[in-house]
Amino acid sequence: MSEDGVAVSCPYCGEPVEVFVEADVSGEMVQDCEVCCNPWRMRVRREAGGTRVEVDRLDD
């Protein structure tokens, strides 16, 4: 099973982080920032052009 690496910025500390999403994963999940350890809400969408990942603060 392959993984897609996607660059995102933490909505808390602003640091760039690369997240890896397995090819069969889509939907919404919670993941902690590798830098500041705050939890994000992560949305994964599969589109014709590839994988789209959006992150925002869990407390919003």
N, C-alpha and C. Protein backbone atom coordinates (compact mmCIF):
# COMPACT_ATOMS: atom_id res chain seq x y z
N MET A 1 0.85 -1.18 0.00
CA MET A 1 0.00 0.00 0.00
C MET A 1 0.90 1.24 0.00
N SER A 2 0.64 2.18 -0.89
CA SER A 2 1.49 3.36 -0.96
C SER A 2 0.94 4.49 -0.09
N GLU A 3 1.80 5.45 0.17
CA GLU A 3 1.43 6.62 0.96
C GLU A 3 1.73 7.87 0.15
N ASP A 4 0.91 8.90 0.33
CA ASP A 4 1.16 10.19 -0.28
C ASP A 4 1.69 11.12 0.80
N GLY A 5 2.81 11.80 0.53
CA GLY A 5 3.33 12.81 1.44
C GLY A 5 2.78 14.16 1.03
N VAL A 6 2.18 14.88 1.97
CA VAL A 6 1.58 16.17 1.69
C VAL A 6 2.10 17.18 2.71
N ALA A 7 2.57 18.33 2.22
CA ALA A 7 3.08 19.38 3.11
C ALA A 7 1.92 20.24 3.59
N VAL A 8 1.85 20.47 4.90
CA VAL A 8 0.84 21.35 5.50
C VAL A 8 1.54 22.23 6.53
N SER A 9 0.87 23.28 6.96
CA SER A 9 1.38 24.13 8.04
C SER A 9 0.49 23.95 9.25
N CYS A 10 1.09 23.80 10.40
CA CYS A 10 0.34 23.63 11.64
C CYS A 10 -0.49 24.88 11.90
N PRO A 11 -1.79 24.73 12.17
CA PRO A 11 -2.64 25.90 12.44
C PRO A 11 -2.37 26.54 13.81
N TYR A 12 -1.57 25.91 14.64
CA TYR A 12 -1.21 26.48 15.94
C TYR A 12 0.14 27.19 15.89
N CYS A 13 1.21 26.47 15.52
CA CYS A 13 2.55 27.04 15.58
C CYS A 13 3.05 27.53 14.22
N GLY A 14 2.36 27.16 13.14
CA GLY A 14 2.74 27.64 11.81
C GLY A 14 3.88 26.89 11.15
N GLU A 15 4.44 25.91 11.84
CA GLU A 15 5.57 25.16 11.28
C GLU A 15 5.11 24.27 10.13
N PRO A 16 5.93 24.18 9.07
CA PRO A 16 5.61 23.24 7.98
C PRO A 16 5.86 21.80 8.44
N VAL A 17 4.93 20.93 8.12
CA VAL A 17 5.02 19.52 8.51
C VAL A 17 4.56 18.69 7.31
N GLU A 18 5.26 17.60 7.03
CA GLU A 18 4.82 16.70 5.98
C GLU A 18 4.05 15.55 6.63
N VAL A 19 2.82 15.36 6.18
CA VAL A 19 2.00 14.25 6.68
C VAL A 19 1.93 13.19 5.59
N PHE A 20 1.89 11.96 6.01
CA PHE A 20 1.81 10.84 5.07
C PHE A 20 0.44 10.19 5.23
N VAL A 21 -0.27 10.06 4.12
CA VAL A 21 -1.62 9.54 4.12
C VAL A 21 -1.65 8.30 3.24
N GLU A 22 -2.08 7.18 3.80
CA GLU A 22 -2.17 5.95 3.02
C GLU A 22 -3.16 6.11 1.88
N ALA A 23 -2.92 5.40 0.80
CA ALA A 23 -3.68 5.58 -0.44
C ALA A 23 -5.18 5.33 -0.28
N ASP A 24 -5.60 4.53 0.67
CA ASP A 24 -7.02 4.22 0.81
C ASP A 24 -7.71 5.05 1.89
N VAL A 25 -7.02 6.06 2.44
CA VAL A 25 -7.58 6.88 3.51
C VAL A 25 -8.19 8.15 2.95
N SER A 26 -9.40 8.46 3.40
CA SER A 26 -10.04 9.74 3.10
C SER A 26 -11.00 10.03 4.25
N GLY A 27 -11.44 11.30 4.33
CA GLY A 27 -12.35 11.67 5.40
C GLY A 27 -11.70 12.59 6.40
N GLU A 28 -12.24 12.61 7.60
CA GLU A 28 -11.78 13.52 8.65
C GLU A 28 -11.19 12.73 9.80
N MET A 29 -10.08 13.25 10.35
CA MET A 29 -9.43 12.59 11.48
C MET A 29 -8.70 13.63 12.31
N VAL A 30 -8.19 13.22 13.45
CA VAL A 30 -7.42 14.10 14.33
C VAL A 30 -5.98 13.60 14.33
N GLN A 31 -5.04 14.56 14.21
CA GLN A 31 -3.62 14.23 14.25
C GLN A 31 -2.91 15.30 15.04
N ASP A 32 -1.91 14.92 15.82
CA ASP A 32 -1.13 15.89 16.60
C ASP A 32 0.03 16.42 15.78
N CYS A 33 0.35 17.71 15.96
CA CYS A 33 1.50 18.34 15.33
C CYS A 33 2.78 17.69 15.86
N GLU A 34 3.71 17.39 14.97
CA GLU A 34 4.99 16.81 15.38
C GLU A 34 5.87 17.82 16.11
N VAL A 35 5.59 19.12 15.92
CA VAL A 35 6.43 20.17 16.50
C VAL A 35 5.89 20.62 17.86
N CYS A 36 4.61 21.06 17.91
CA CYS A 36 4.06 21.63 19.14
C CYS A 36 3.09 20.70 19.88
N CYS A 37 2.76 19.56 19.28
CA CYS A 37 1.91 18.52 19.87
C CYS A 37 0.44 18.90 20.02
N ASN A 38 0.01 20.04 19.47
CA ASN A 38 -1.41 20.39 19.51
C ASN A 38 -2.18 19.56 18.48
N PRO A 39 -3.44 19.23 18.77
CA PRO A 39 -4.23 18.39 17.86
C PRO A 39 -4.86 19.21 16.73
N TRP A 40 -4.79 18.68 15.52
CA TRP A 40 -5.43 19.27 14.34
C TRP A 40 -6.64 18.45 13.96
N ARG A 41 -7.55 19.09 13.27
CA ARG A 41 -8.59 18.40 12.52
C ARG A 41 -8.05 18.31 11.10
N MET A 42 -7.90 17.11 10.60
CA MET A 42 -7.33 16.91 9.27
C MET A 42 -8.39 16.31 8.36
N ARG A 43 -8.60 16.94 7.20
CA ARG A 43 -9.55 16.43 6.21
C ARG A 43 -8.77 15.98 4.98
N VAL A 44 -9.01 14.74 4.57
CA VAL A 44 -8.31 14.18 3.42
C VAL A 44 -9.34 13.93 2.32
N ARG A 45 -9.04 14.50 1.14
CA ARG A 45 -9.92 14.30 -0.02
C ARG A 45 -9.09 13.76 -1.17
N ARG A 46 -9.64 12.81 -1.86
CA ARG A 46 -9.00 12.25 -3.06
C ARG A 46 -9.64 12.91 -4.27
N GLU A 47 -8.79 13.50 -5.12
CA GLU A 47 -9.26 14.18 -6.32
C GLU A 47 -8.47 13.64 -7.51
N ALA A 48 -8.93 13.96 -8.71
CA ALA A 48 -8.27 13.48 -9.92
C ALA A 48 -6.81 13.92 -9.96
N GLY A 49 -6.51 15.11 -9.44
CA GLY A 49 -5.15 15.62 -9.46
C GLY A 49 -4.27 15.12 -8.33
N GLY A 50 -4.82 14.35 -7.40
CA GLY A 50 -4.04 13.83 -6.29
C GLY A 50 -4.78 13.92 -4.97
N THR A 51 -4.01 13.98 -3.91
CA THR A 51 -4.56 14.01 -2.55
C THR A 51 -4.58 15.44 -2.05
N ARG A 52 -5.71 15.86 -1.49
CA ARG A 52 -5.83 17.19 -0.89
C ARG A 52 -6.02 17.03 0.60
N VAL A 53 -5.18 17.71 1.38
CA VAL A 53 -5.25 17.65 2.83
C VAL A 53 -5.43 19.07 3.36
N GLU A 54 -6.43 19.25 4.21
CA GLU A 54 -6.67 20.54 4.88
C GLU A 54 -6.57 20.30 6.37
N VAL A 55 -5.93 21.23 7.07
CA VAL A 55 -5.84 21.13 8.53
C VAL A 55 -6.34 22.42 9.16
N ASP A 56 -7.00 22.29 10.29
CA ASP A 56 -7.39 23.46 11.07
C ASP A 56 -7.37 23.10 12.55
N ARG A 57 -7.49 24.13 13.37
CA ARG A 57 -7.43 23.93 14.82
C ARG A 57 -8.61 23.09 15.29
N LEU A 58 -8.34 22.20 16.19
CA LEU A 58 -9.39 21.35 16.73
C LEU A 58 -10.34 22.15 17.63
N ASP A 59 -9.86 23.25 18.22
CA ASP A 59 -10.69 24.02 19.14
C ASP A 59 -11.50 25.12 18.44
N ASP A 60 -11.48 25.16 17.11
CA ASP A 60 -12.30 26.14 16.36
C ASP A 60 -13.72 25.66 16.22
